[in-house]
Amino acid sequence: MWSGDGRELFYTPGPGNTLEAIKVTTSPAFSFAHAESVARPFTNSPPTAGRAFDAAPEGPRFLGLLPASAADPSSPRRDEIRVVLNWFEELKSRVR
């Protein structure tokens, strides 16, 4: 998976709780750095399933699914997720 800015490539090296991050440069020539481990507290899917996490558009942040046992009891609980379908159409209708 590429980072939001296209400068890093993230991959799962196998079972466990880490990702590997590789910085990539394409100009003036293609080059890449050594892989660095990144903590991955969220679950990982088997290779046949869809990815259960994604990188934020900016910065080294991720959004992923956590098992209920990993929840921080001091954090406020969020029991609701709002998903907006066809948000671009809704945006166009509000801007007119």
PDB file of N, CA and C in Angstrom:
ATOM      1  N   MET A   1       0.846  -1.156   0.000  1.00  0.00           N
ATOM      2  CA  MET A   1       0.000   0.000   0.000  1.00  0.00           C
ATOM      3  C   MET A   1       0.904   1.235   0.000  1.00  0.00           C
ATOM      4  N   TRP A   2       0.560   2.215  -0.838  1.00  0.00           N
ATOM      5  CA  TRP A   2       1.320   3.468  -0.906  1.00  0.00           C
ATOM      6  C   TRP A   2       0.810   4.458   0.133  1.00  0.00           C
ATOM      7  N   SER A   3       1.689   5.299   0.636  1.00  0.00           N
ATOM      8  CA  SER A   3       1.290   6.394   1.519  1.00  0.00           C
ATOM      9  C   SER A   3       0.501   7.405   0.702  1.00  0.00           C
ATOM     10  N   GLY A   4      -0.216   8.274   1.390  1.00  0.00           N
ATOM     11  CA  GLY A   4      -1.037   9.269   0.712  1.00  0.00           C
ATOM     12  C   GLY A   4      -0.254  10.190  -0.201  1.00  0.00           C
ATOM     13  N   ASP A   5       0.986  10.489   0.154  1.00  0.00           N
ATOM     14  CA  ASP A   5       1.793  11.381  -0.682  1.00  0.00           C
ATOM     15  C   ASP A   5       2.627  10.621  -1.717  1.00  0.00           C
ATOM     16  N   GLY A   6       2.539   9.291  -1.734  1.00  0.00           N
ATOM     17  CA  GLY A   6       3.259   8.492  -2.720  1.00  0.00           C
ATOM     18  C   GLY A   6       4.751   8.383  -2.483  1.00  0.00           C
ATOM     19  N   ARG A   7       5.206   8.738  -1.303  1.00  0.00           N
ATOM     20  CA  ARG A   7       6.643   8.712  -1.031  1.00  0.00           C
ATOM     21  C   ARG A   7       7.088   7.491  -0.223  1.00  0.00           C
ATOM     22  N   GLU A   8       6.119   6.715   0.279  1.00  0.00           N
ATOM     23  CA  GLU A   8       6.460   5.521   1.042  1.00  0.00           C
ATOM     24  C   GLU A   8       5.576   4.367   0.604  1.00  0.00           C
ATOM     25  N   LEU A   9       6.146   3.187   0.693  1.00  0.00           N
ATOM     26  CA  LEU A   9       5.421   1.965   0.394  1.00  0.00           C
ATOM     27  C   LEU A   9       5.392   1.145   1.677  1.00  0.00           C
ATOM     28  N   PHE A  10       4.182   0.715   2.090  1.00  0.00           N
ATOM     29  CA  PHE A  10       4.020  -0.080   3.302  1.00  0.00           C
ATOM     30  C   PHE A  10       3.639  -1.499   2.907  1.00  0.00           C
ATOM     31  N   TYR A  11       4.198  -2.468   3.608  1.00  0.00           N
ATOM     32  CA  TYR A  11       3.812  -3.856   3.370  1.00  0.00           C
ATOM     33  C   TYR A  11       3.915  -4.642   4.667  1.00  0.00           C
ATOM     34  N   THR A  12       3.203  -5.739   4.722  1.00  0.00           N
ATOM     35  CA  THR A  12       3.226  -6.627   5.876  1.00  0.00           C
ATOM     36  C   THR A  12       4.219  -7.749   5.589  1.00  0.00           C
ATOM     37  N   PRO A  13       5.263  -7.879   6.394  1.00  0.00           N
ATOM     38  CA  PRO A  13       6.268  -8.896   6.118  1.00  0.00           C
ATOM     39  C   PRO A  13       5.815 -10.316   6.474  1.00  0.00           C
ATOM     40  N   GLY A  14       4.703 -10.428   7.165  1.00  0.00           N
ATOM     41  CA  GLY A  14       4.197 -11.738   7.571  1.00  0.00           C
ATOM     42  C   GLY A  14       3.406 -11.615   8.848  1.00  0.00           C
ATOM     43  N   PRO A  15       3.149 -12.716   9.523  1.00  0.00           N
ATOM     44  CA  PRO A  15       2.391 -12.647  10.773  1.00  0.00           C
ATOM     45  C   PRO A  15       3.092 -11.750  11.788  1.00  0.00           C
ATOM     46  N   GLY A  16       2.318 -11.175  12.669  1.00  0.00           N
ATOM     47  CA  GLY A  16       2.893 -10.315  13.692  1.00  0.00           C
ATOM     48  C   GLY A  16       2.206  -8.973  13.710  1.00  0.00           C
ATOM     49  N   ASN A  17       2.791  -8.050  14.441  1.00  0.00           N
ATOM     50  CA  ASN A  17       2.164  -6.745  14.617  1.00  0.00           C
ATOM     51  C   ASN A  17       3.007  -5.606  14.071  1.00  0.00           C
ATOM     52  N   THR A  18       3.673  -5.828  12.938  1.00  0.00           N
ATOM     53  CA  THR A  18       4.455  -4.750  12.327  1.00  0.00           C
ATOM     54  C   THR A  18       4.146  -4.627  10.842  1.00  0.00           C
ATOM     55  N   LEU A  19       4.416  -3.452  10.347  1.00  0.00           N
ATOM     56  CA  LEU A  19       4.443  -3.164   8.921  1.00  0.00           C
ATOM     57  C   LEU A  19       5.874  -2.770   8.606  1.00  0.00           C
ATOM     58  N   GLU A  20       6.234  -2.864   7.373  1.00  0.00           N
ATOM     59  CA  GLU A  20       7.519  -2.347   6.934  1.00  0.00           C
ATOM     60  C   GLU A  20       7.226  -1.129   6.063  1.00  0.00           C
ATOM     61  N   ALA A  21       8.031  -0.089   6.216  1.00  0.00           N
ATOM     62  CA  ALA A  21       7.898   1.133   5.434  1.00  0.00           C
ATOM     63  C   ALA A  21       9.178   1.360   4.646  1.00  0.00           C
ATOM     64  N   ILE A  22       9.021   1.628   3.362  1.00  0.00           N
ATOM     65  CA  ILE A  22      10.172   1.902   2.500  1.00  0.00           C
ATOM     66  C   ILE A  22       9.971   3.267   1.847  1.00  0.00           C
ATOM     67  N   LYS A  23      10.896   4.178   2.078  1.00  0.00           N
ATOM     68  CA  LYS A  23      10.838   5.489   1.424  1.00  0.00           C
ATOM     69  C   LYS A  23      11.290   5.323  -0.023  1.00  0.00           C
ATOM     70  N   VAL A  24      10.517   5.921  -0.947  1.00  0.00           N
ATOM     71  CA  VAL A  24      10.782   5.786  -2.377  1.00  0.00           C
ATOM     72  C   VAL A  24      10.956   7.170  -2.987  1.00  0.00           C
ATOM     73  N   THR A  25      11.948   7.314  -3.850  1.00  0.00           N
ATOM     74  CA  THR A  25      12.181   8.548  -4.596  1.00  0.00           C
ATOM     75  C   THR A  25      12.137   8.198  -6.080  1.00  0.00           C
ATOM     76  N   THR A  26      11.448   9.020  -6.861  1.00  0.00           N
ATOM     77  CA  THR A  26      11.352   8.743  -8.297  1.00  0.00           C
ATOM     78  C   THR A  26      12.074   9.764  -9.160  1.00  0.00           C
ATOM     79  N   SER A  27      12.562  10.850  -8.538  1.00  0.00           N
ATOM     80  CA  SER A  27      13.212  11.879  -9.330  1.00  0.00           C
ATOM     81  C   SER A  27      14.468  12.340  -8.609  1.00  0.00           C
ATOM     82  N   PRO A  28      15.568  12.520  -9.234  1.00  0.00           N
ATOM     83  CA  PRO A  28      15.823  12.451 -10.665  1.00  0.00           C
ATOM     84  C   PRO A  28      15.904  11.013 -11.170  1.00  0.00           C
ATOM     85  N   ALA A  29      16.086  10.053 -10.252  1.00  0.00           N
ATOM     86  CA  ALA A  29      16.105   8.639 -10.649  1.00  0.00           C
ATOM     87  C   ALA A  29      15.376   7.843  -9.568  1.00  0.00           C
ATOM     88  N   PHE A  30      14.910   6.672  -9.931  1.00  0.00           N
ATOM     89  CA  PHE A  30      14.219   5.829  -8.964  1.00  0.00           C
ATOM     90  C   PHE A  30      15.208   5.281  -7.953  1.00  0.00           C
ATOM     91  N   SER A  31      14.866   5.427  -6.662  1.00  0.00           N
ATOM     92  CA  SER A  31      15.685   4.847  -5.596  1.00  0.00           C
ATOM     93  C   SER A  31      14.789   4.571  -4.397  1.00  0.00           C
ATOM     94  N   PHE A  32      15.268   3.726  -3.505  1.00  0.00           N
ATOM     95  CA  PHE A  32      14.505   3.426  -2.296  1.00  0.00           C
ATOM     96  C   PHE A  32      15.458   3.151  -1.147  1.00  0.00           C
ATOM     97  N   ALA A  33      14.951   3.392   0.064  1.00  0.00           N
ATOM     98  CA  ALA A  33      15.750   3.213   1.272  1.00  0.00           C
ATOM     99  C   ALA A  33      15.523   1.809   1.830  1.00  0.00           C
ATOM    100  N   HIS A  34      16.251   1.501   2.886  1.00  0.00           N
ATOM    101  CA  HIS A  34      16.042   0.230   3.579  1.00  0.00           C
ATOM    102  C   HIS A  34      14.701   0.271   4.302  1.00  0.00           C
ATOM    103  N   ALA A  35      14.085  -0.875   4.463  1.00  0.00           N
ATOM    104  CA  ALA A  35      12.797  -0.970   5.152  1.00  0.00           C
ATOM    105  C   ALA A  35      12.963  -0.662   6.634  1.00  0.00           C
ATOM    106  N   GLU A  36      11.972   0.042   7.179  1.00  0.00           N
ATOM    107  CA  GLU A  36      11.927   0.338   8.611  1.00  0.00           C
ATOM    108  C   GLU A  36      10.634  -0.228   9.161  1.00  0.00           C
ATOM    109  N   SER A  37      10.686  -0.803  10.360  1.00  0.00           N
ATOM    110  CA  SER A  37       9.492  -1.362  10.989  1.00  0.00           C
ATOM    111  C   SER A  37       8.590  -0.255  11.518  1.00  0.00           C
ATOM    112  N   VAL A  38       7.291  -0.444  11.348  1.00  0.00           N
ATOM    113  CA  VAL A  38       6.271   0.485  11.845  1.00  0.00           C
ATOM    114  C   VAL A  38       5.294  -0.338  12.670  1.00  0.00           C
ATOM    115  N   ALA A  39       4.949   0.128  13.869  1.00  0.00           N
ATOM    116  CA  ALA A  39       4.002  -0.607  14.714  1.00  0.00           C
ATOM    117  C   ALA A  39       2.654  -0.731  14.020  1.00  0.00           C
ATOM    118  N   ARG A  40       2.037  -1.883  14.169  1.00  0.00           N
ATOM    119  CA  ARG A  40       0.721  -2.119  13.578  1.00  0.00           C
ATOM    120  C   ARG A  40      -0.191  -2.710  14.654  1.00  0.00           C
ATOM    121  N   PRO A  41      -0.925  -1.858  15.390  1.00  0.00           N
ATOM    122  CA  PRO A  41      -1.798  -2.382  16.441  1.00  0.00           C
ATOM    123  C   PRO A  41      -3.106  -2.956  15.905  1.00  0.00           C
ATOM    124  N   PHE A  42      -3.427  -2.681  14.667  1.00  0.00           N
ATOM    125  CA  PHE A  42      -4.681  -3.135  14.083  1.00  0.00           C
ATOM    126  C   PHE A  42      -4.528  -4.535  13.503  1.00  0.00           C
ATOM    127  N   THR A  43      -5.654  -5.181  13.255  1.00  0.00           N
ATOM    128  CA  THR A  43      -5.630  -6.557  12.762  1.00  0.00           C
ATOM    129  C   THR A  43      -5.186  -6.607  11.312  1.00  0.00           C
ATOM    130  N   ASN A  44      -4.731  -7.757  10.918  1.00  0.00           N
ATOM    131  CA  ASN A  44      -4.309  -7.984   9.545  1.00  0.00           C
ATOM    132  C   ASN A  44      -5.205  -9.059   8.952  1.00  0.00           C
ATOM    133  N   SER A  45      -5.531  -8.933   7.700  1.00  0.00           N
ATOM    134  CA  SER A  45      -6.386  -9.897   7.028  1.00  0.00           C
ATOM    135  C   SER A  45      -5.531 -10.943   6.327  1.00  0.00           C
ATOM    136  N   PRO A  46      -6.103 -12.127   6.104  1.00  0.00           N
ATOM    137  CA  PRO A  46      -5.371 -13.102   5.300  1.00  0.00           C
ATOM    138  C   PRO A  46      -5.216 -12.593   3.873  1.00  0.00           C
ATOM    139  N   PRO A  47      -4.287 -13.141   3.096  1.00  0.00           N
ATOM    140  CA  PRO A  47      -4.036 -12.636   1.740  1.00  0.00           C
ATOM    141  C   PRO A  47      -5.257 -12.667   0.817  1.00  0.00           C
ATOM    142  N   THR A  48      -6.217 -13.535   1.093  1.00  0.00           N
ATOM    143  CA  THR A  48      -7.395 -13.629   0.222  1.00  0.00           C
ATOM    144  C   THR A  48      -8.463 -12.608   0.568  1.00  0.00           C
ATOM    145  N   ALA A  49      -8.313 -11.902   1.685  1.00  0.00           N
ATOM    146  CA  ALA A  49      -9.321 -10.925   2.130  1.00  0.00           C
ATOM    147  C   ALA A  49      -8.898  -9.513   1.753  1.00  0.00           C
ATOM    148  N   GLY A  50      -9.849  -8.584   1.811  1.00  0.00           N
ATOM    149  CA  GLY A  50      -9.535  -7.174   1.587  1.00  0.00           C
ATOM    150  C   GLY A  50      -8.698  -6.627   2.725  1.00  0.00           C
ATOM    151  N   ARG A  51      -8.006  -5.563   2.482  1.00  0.00           N
ATOM    152  CA  ARG A  51      -7.156  -4.955   3.508  1.00  0.00           C
ATOM    153  C   ARG A  51      -8.022  -4.327   4.590  1.00  0.00           C
ATOM    154  N   ALA A  52      -7.700  -4.573   5.854  1.00  0.00           N
ATOM    155  CA  ALA A  52      -8.474  -4.065   6.988  1.00  0.00           C
ATOM    156  C   ALA A  52      -7.891  -2.781   7.551  1.00  0.00           C
ATOM    157  N   PHE A  53      -7.039  -2.097   6.788  1.00  0.00           N
ATOM    158  CA  PHE A  53      -6.450  -0.839   7.246  1.00  0.00           C
ATOM    159  C   PHE A  53      -6.070  -0.006   6.031  1.00  0.00           C
ATOM    160  N   ASP A  54      -5.820   1.290   6.278  1.00  0.00           N
ATOM    161  CA  ASP A  54      -5.376   2.172   5.207  1.00  0.00           C
ATOM    162  C   ASP A  54      -4.533   3.281   5.810  1.00  0.00           C
ATOM    163  N   ALA A  55      -3.721   3.917   4.981  1.00  0.00           N
ATOM    164  CA  ALA A  55      -2.863   5.015   5.421  1.00  0.00           C
ATOM    165  C   ALA A  55      -3.616   6.332   5.294  1.00  0.00           C
ATOM    166  N   ALA A  56      -3.363   7.234   6.231  1.00  0.00           N
ATOM    167  CA  ALA A  56      -3.954   8.565   6.169  1.00  0.00           C
ATOM    168  C   ALA A  56      -3.339   9.330   4.998  1.00  0.00           C
ATOM    169  N   PRO A  57      -4.076  10.294   4.430  1.00  0.00           N
ATOM    170  CA  PRO A  57      -3.543  11.052   3.294  1.00  0.00           C
ATOM    171  C   PRO A  57      -2.257  11.809   3.617  1.00  0.00           C
ATOM    172  N   GLU A  58      -2.095  12.255   4.851  1.00  0.00           N
ATOM    173  CA  GLU A  58      -0.880  12.967   5.222  1.00  0.00           C
ATOM    174  C   GLU A  58      -0.345  12.404   6.531  1.00  0.00           C
ATOM    175  N   GLY A  59       0.938  12.317   6.625  1.00  0.00           N
ATOM    176  CA  GLY A  59       1.572  11.878   7.859  1.00  0.00           C
ATOM    177  C   GLY A  59       1.545  10.372   8.056  1.00  0.00           C
ATOM    178  N   PRO A  60       2.321   9.926   9.016  1.00  0.00           N
ATOM    179  CA  PRO A  60       2.419   8.488   9.268  1.00  0.00           C
ATOM    180  C   PRO A  60       1.316   7.981  10.191  1.00  0.00           C
ATOM    181  N   ARG A  61       0.074   8.103   9.742  1.00  0.00           N
ATOM    182  CA  ARG A  61      -1.056   7.626  10.545  1.00  0.00           C
ATOM    183  C   ARG A  61      -1.838   6.599   9.739  1.00  0.00           C
ATOM    184  N   PHE A  62      -2.476   5.685  10.475  1.00  0.00           N
ATOM    185  CA  PHE A  62      -3.245   4.627   9.841  1.00  0.00           C
ATOM    186  C   PHE A  62      -4.633   4.556  10.454  1.00  0.00           C
ATOM    187  N   LEU A  63      -5.558   4.055   9.687  1.00  0.00           N
ATOM    188  CA  LEU A  63      -6.897   3.748  10.169  1.00  0.00           C
ATOM    189  C   LEU A  63      -7.058   2.254   9.990  1.00  0.00           C
ATOM    190  N   GLY A  64      -7.403   1.551  11.062  1.00  0.00           N
ATOM    191  CA  GLY A  64      -7.531   0.110  10.972  1.00  0.00           C
ATOM    192  C   GLY A  64      -8.489  -0.428  12.010  1.00  0.00           C
ATOM    193  N   LEU A  65      -8.850  -1.672  11.853  1.00  0.00           N
ATOM    194  CA  LEU A  65      -9.743  -2.351  12.781  1.00  0.00           C
ATOM    195  C   LEU A  65      -8.940  -2.933  13.933  1.00  0.00           C
ATOM    196  N   LEU A  66      -9.433  -2.718  15.149  1.00  0.00           N
ATOM    197  CA  LEU A  66      -8.803  -3.273  16.337  1.00  0.00           C
ATOM    198  C   LEU A  66      -9.715  -4.317  16.950  1.00  0.00           C
ATOM    199  N   PRO A  67      -9.157  -5.374  17.513  1.00  0.00           N
ATOM    200  CA  PRO A  67     -10.001  -6.301  18.251  1.00  0.00           C
ATOM    201  C   PRO A  67     -10.542  -5.606  19.500  1.00  0.00           C
ATOM    202  N   ALA A  68     -11.721  -5.991  19.950  1.00  0.00           N
ATOM    203  CA  ALA A  68     -12.338  -5.349  21.124  1.00  0.00           C
ATOM    204  C   ALA A  68     -11.427  -5.436  22.342  1.00  0.00           C
ATOM    205  N   SER A  69     -10.641  -6.490  22.455  1.00  0.00           N
ATOM    206  CA  SER A  69      -9.748  -6.652  23.603  1.00  0.00           C
ATOM    207  C   SER A  69      -8.622  -5.622  23.620  1.00  0.00           C
ATOM    208  N   ALA A  70      -8.353  -4.961  22.490  1.00  0.00           N
ATOM    209  CA  ALA A  70      -7.268  -3.977  22.407  1.00  0.00           C
ATOM    210  C   ALA A  70      -7.723  -2.565  22.719  1.00  0.00           C
ATOM    211  N   ALA A  71      -8.999  -2.364  22.976  1.00  0.00           N
ATOM    212  CA  ALA A  71      -9.522  -1.016  23.227  1.00  0.00           C
ATOM    213  C   ALA A  71      -8.944  -0.448  24.517  1.00  0.00           C
ATOM    214  N   ASP A  72      -8.629   0.834  24.493  1.00  0.00           N
ATOM    215  CA  ASP A  72      -8.113   1.536  25.664  1.00  0.00           C
ATOM    216  C   ASP A  72      -9.310   1.940  26.524  1.00  0.00           C
ATOM    217  N   PRO A  73      -9.435   1.411  27.749  1.00  0.00           N
ATOM    218  CA  PRO A  73     -10.610   1.729  28.571  1.00  0.00           C
ATOM    219  C   PRO A  73     -10.716   3.199  28.957  1.00  0.00           C
ATOM    220  N   SER A  74      -9.613   3.954  28.886  1.00  0.00           N
ATOM    221  CA  SER A  74      -9.673   5.375  29.238  1.00  0.00           C
ATOM    222  C   SER A  74     -10.127   6.239  28.068  1.00  0.00           C
ATOM    223  N   SER A  75     -10.168   5.683  26.848  1.00  0.00           N
ATOM    224  CA  SER A  75     -10.610   6.432  25.670  1.00  0.00           C
ATOM    225  C   SER A  75     -12.125   6.431  25.584  1.00  0.00           C
ATOM    226  N   PRO A  76     -12.717   7.541  25.112  1.00  0.00           N
ATOM    227  CA  PRO A  76     -14.170   7.542  24.939  1.00  0.00           C
ATOM    228  C   PRO A  76     -14.580   6.521  23.889  1.00  0.00           C
ATOM    229  N   ARG A  77     -15.671   5.843  24.156  1.00  0.00           N
ATOM    230  CA  ARG A  77     -16.141   4.811  23.240  1.00  0.00           C
ATOM    231  C   ARG A  77     -17.011   5.431  22.163  1.00  0.00           C
ATOM    232  N   ARG A  78     -16.835   4.989  20.948  1.00  0.00           N
ATOM    233  CA  ARG A  78     -17.631   5.470  19.818  1.00  0.00           C
ATOM    234  C   ARG A  78     -18.437   4.300  19.286  1.00  0.00           C
ATOM    235  N   ASP A  79     -19.750   4.384  19.459  1.00  0.00           N
ATOM    236  CA  ASP A  79     -20.626   3.298  19.035  1.00  0.00           C
ATOM    237  C   ASP A  79     -21.244   3.551  17.672  1.00  0.00           C
ATOM    238  N   GLU A  80     -20.830   4.611  17.006  1.00  0.00           N
ATOM    239  CA  GLU A  80     -21.470   4.970  15.744  1.00  0.00           C
ATOM    240  C   GLU A  80     -20.426   5.339  14.709  1.00  0.00           C
ATOM    241  N   ILE A  81     -20.632   4.843  13.509  1.00  0.00           N
ATOM    242  CA  ILE A  81     -19.799   5.228  12.379  1.00  0.00           C
ATOM    243  C   ILE A  81     -20.748   5.725  11.304  1.00  0.00           C
ATOM    244  N   ARG A  82     -20.484   6.894  10.751  1.00  0.00           N
ATOM    245  CA  ARG A  82     -21.320   7.432   9.681  1.00  0.00           C
ATOM    246  C   ARG A  82     -20.600   7.279   8.354  1.00  0.00           C
ATOM    247  N   VAL A  83     -21.281   6.676   7.417  1.00  0.00           N
ATOM    248  CA  VAL A  83     -20.746   6.481   6.086  1.00  0.00           C
ATOM    249  C   VAL A  83     -21.623   7.262   5.126  1.00  0.00           C
ATOM    250  N   VAL A  84     -21.021   8.123   4.339  1.00  0.00           N
ATOM    251  CA  VAL A  84     -21.764   8.926   3.376  1.00  0.00           C
ATOM    252  C   VAL A  84     -21.475   8.373   1.987  1.00  0.00           C
ATOM    253  N   LEU A  85     -22.528   7.899   1.342  1.00  0.00           N
ATOM    254  CA  LEU A  85     -22.392   7.393  -0.023  1.00  0.00           C
ATOM    255  C   LEU A  85     -22.689   8.516  -0.997  1.00  0.00           C
ATOM    256  N   ASN A  86     -22.044   8.493  -2.107  1.00  0.00           N
ATOM    257  CA  ASN A  86     -22.230   9.517  -3.141  1.00  0.00           C
ATOM    258  C   ASN A  86     -22.046  10.916  -2.571  1.00  0.00           C
ATOM    259  N   TRP A  87     -21.017  11.091  -1.753  1.00  0.00           N
ATOM    260  CA  TRP A  87     -20.819  12.369  -1.077  1.00  0.00           C
ATOM    261  C   TRP A  87     -20.561  13.501  -2.065  1.00  0.00           C
ATOM    262  N   PHE A  88     -19.957  13.199  -3.210  1.00  0.00           N
ATOM    263  CA  PHE A  88     -19.699  14.251  -4.188  1.00  0.00           C
ATOM    264  C   PHE A  88     -21.010  14.808  -4.734  1.00  0.00           C
ATOM    265  N   GLU A  89     -21.990  13.940  -4.976  1.00  0.00           N
ATOM    266  CA  GLU A  89     -23.303  14.401  -5.441  1.00  0.00           C
ATOM    267  C   GLU A  89     -23.973  15.259  -4.369  1.00  0.00           C
ATOM    268  N   GLU A  90     -23.859  14.856  -3.113  1.00  0.00           N
ATOM    269  CA  GLU A  90     -24.437  15.651  -2.036  1.00  0.00           C
ATOM    270  C   GLU A  90     -23.752  17.005  -1.944  1.00  0.00           C
ATOM    271  N   LEU A  91     -22.424  17.028  -2.092  1.00  0.00           N
ATOM    272  CA  LEU A  91     -21.682  18.268  -2.058  1.00  0.00           C
ATOM    273  C   LEU A  91     -22.133  19.206  -3.188  1.00  0.00           C
ATOM    274  N   LYS A  92     -22.267  18.673  -4.405  1.00  0.00           N
ATOM    275  CA  LYS A  92     -22.688  19.498  -5.530  1.00  0.00           C
ATOM    276  C   LYS A  92     -24.088  20.080  -5.290  1.00  0.00           C
ATOM    277  N   SER A  93     -24.995  19.313  -4.693  1.00  0.00           N
ATOM    278  CA  SER A  93     -26.340  19.812  -4.440  1.00  0.00           C
ATOM    279  C   SER A  93     -26.350  20.924  -3.392  1.00  0.00           C
ATOM    280  N   ARG A  94     -25.406  20.886  -2.452  1.00  0.00           N
ATOM    281  CA  ARG A  94     -25.343  21.917  -1.403  1.00  0.00           C
ATOM    282  C   ARG A  94     -24.644  23.186  -1.863  1.00  0.00           C
ATOM    283  N   VAL A  95     -23.791  23.097  -2.869  1.00  0.00           N
ATOM    284  CA  VAL A  95     -23.010  24.248  -3.321  1.00  0.00           C
ATOM    285  C   VAL A  95     -23.778  25.113  -4.296  1.00  0.00           C
ATOM    286  N   ARG A  96     -24.727  24.570  -4.987  1.00  0.00           N
ATOM    287  CA  ARG A  96     -25.463  25.328  -6.001  1.00  0.00           C
ATOM    288  C   ARG A  96     -26.118  26.555  -5.492  1.00  0.00           C
TER     289      ARG A  96
END
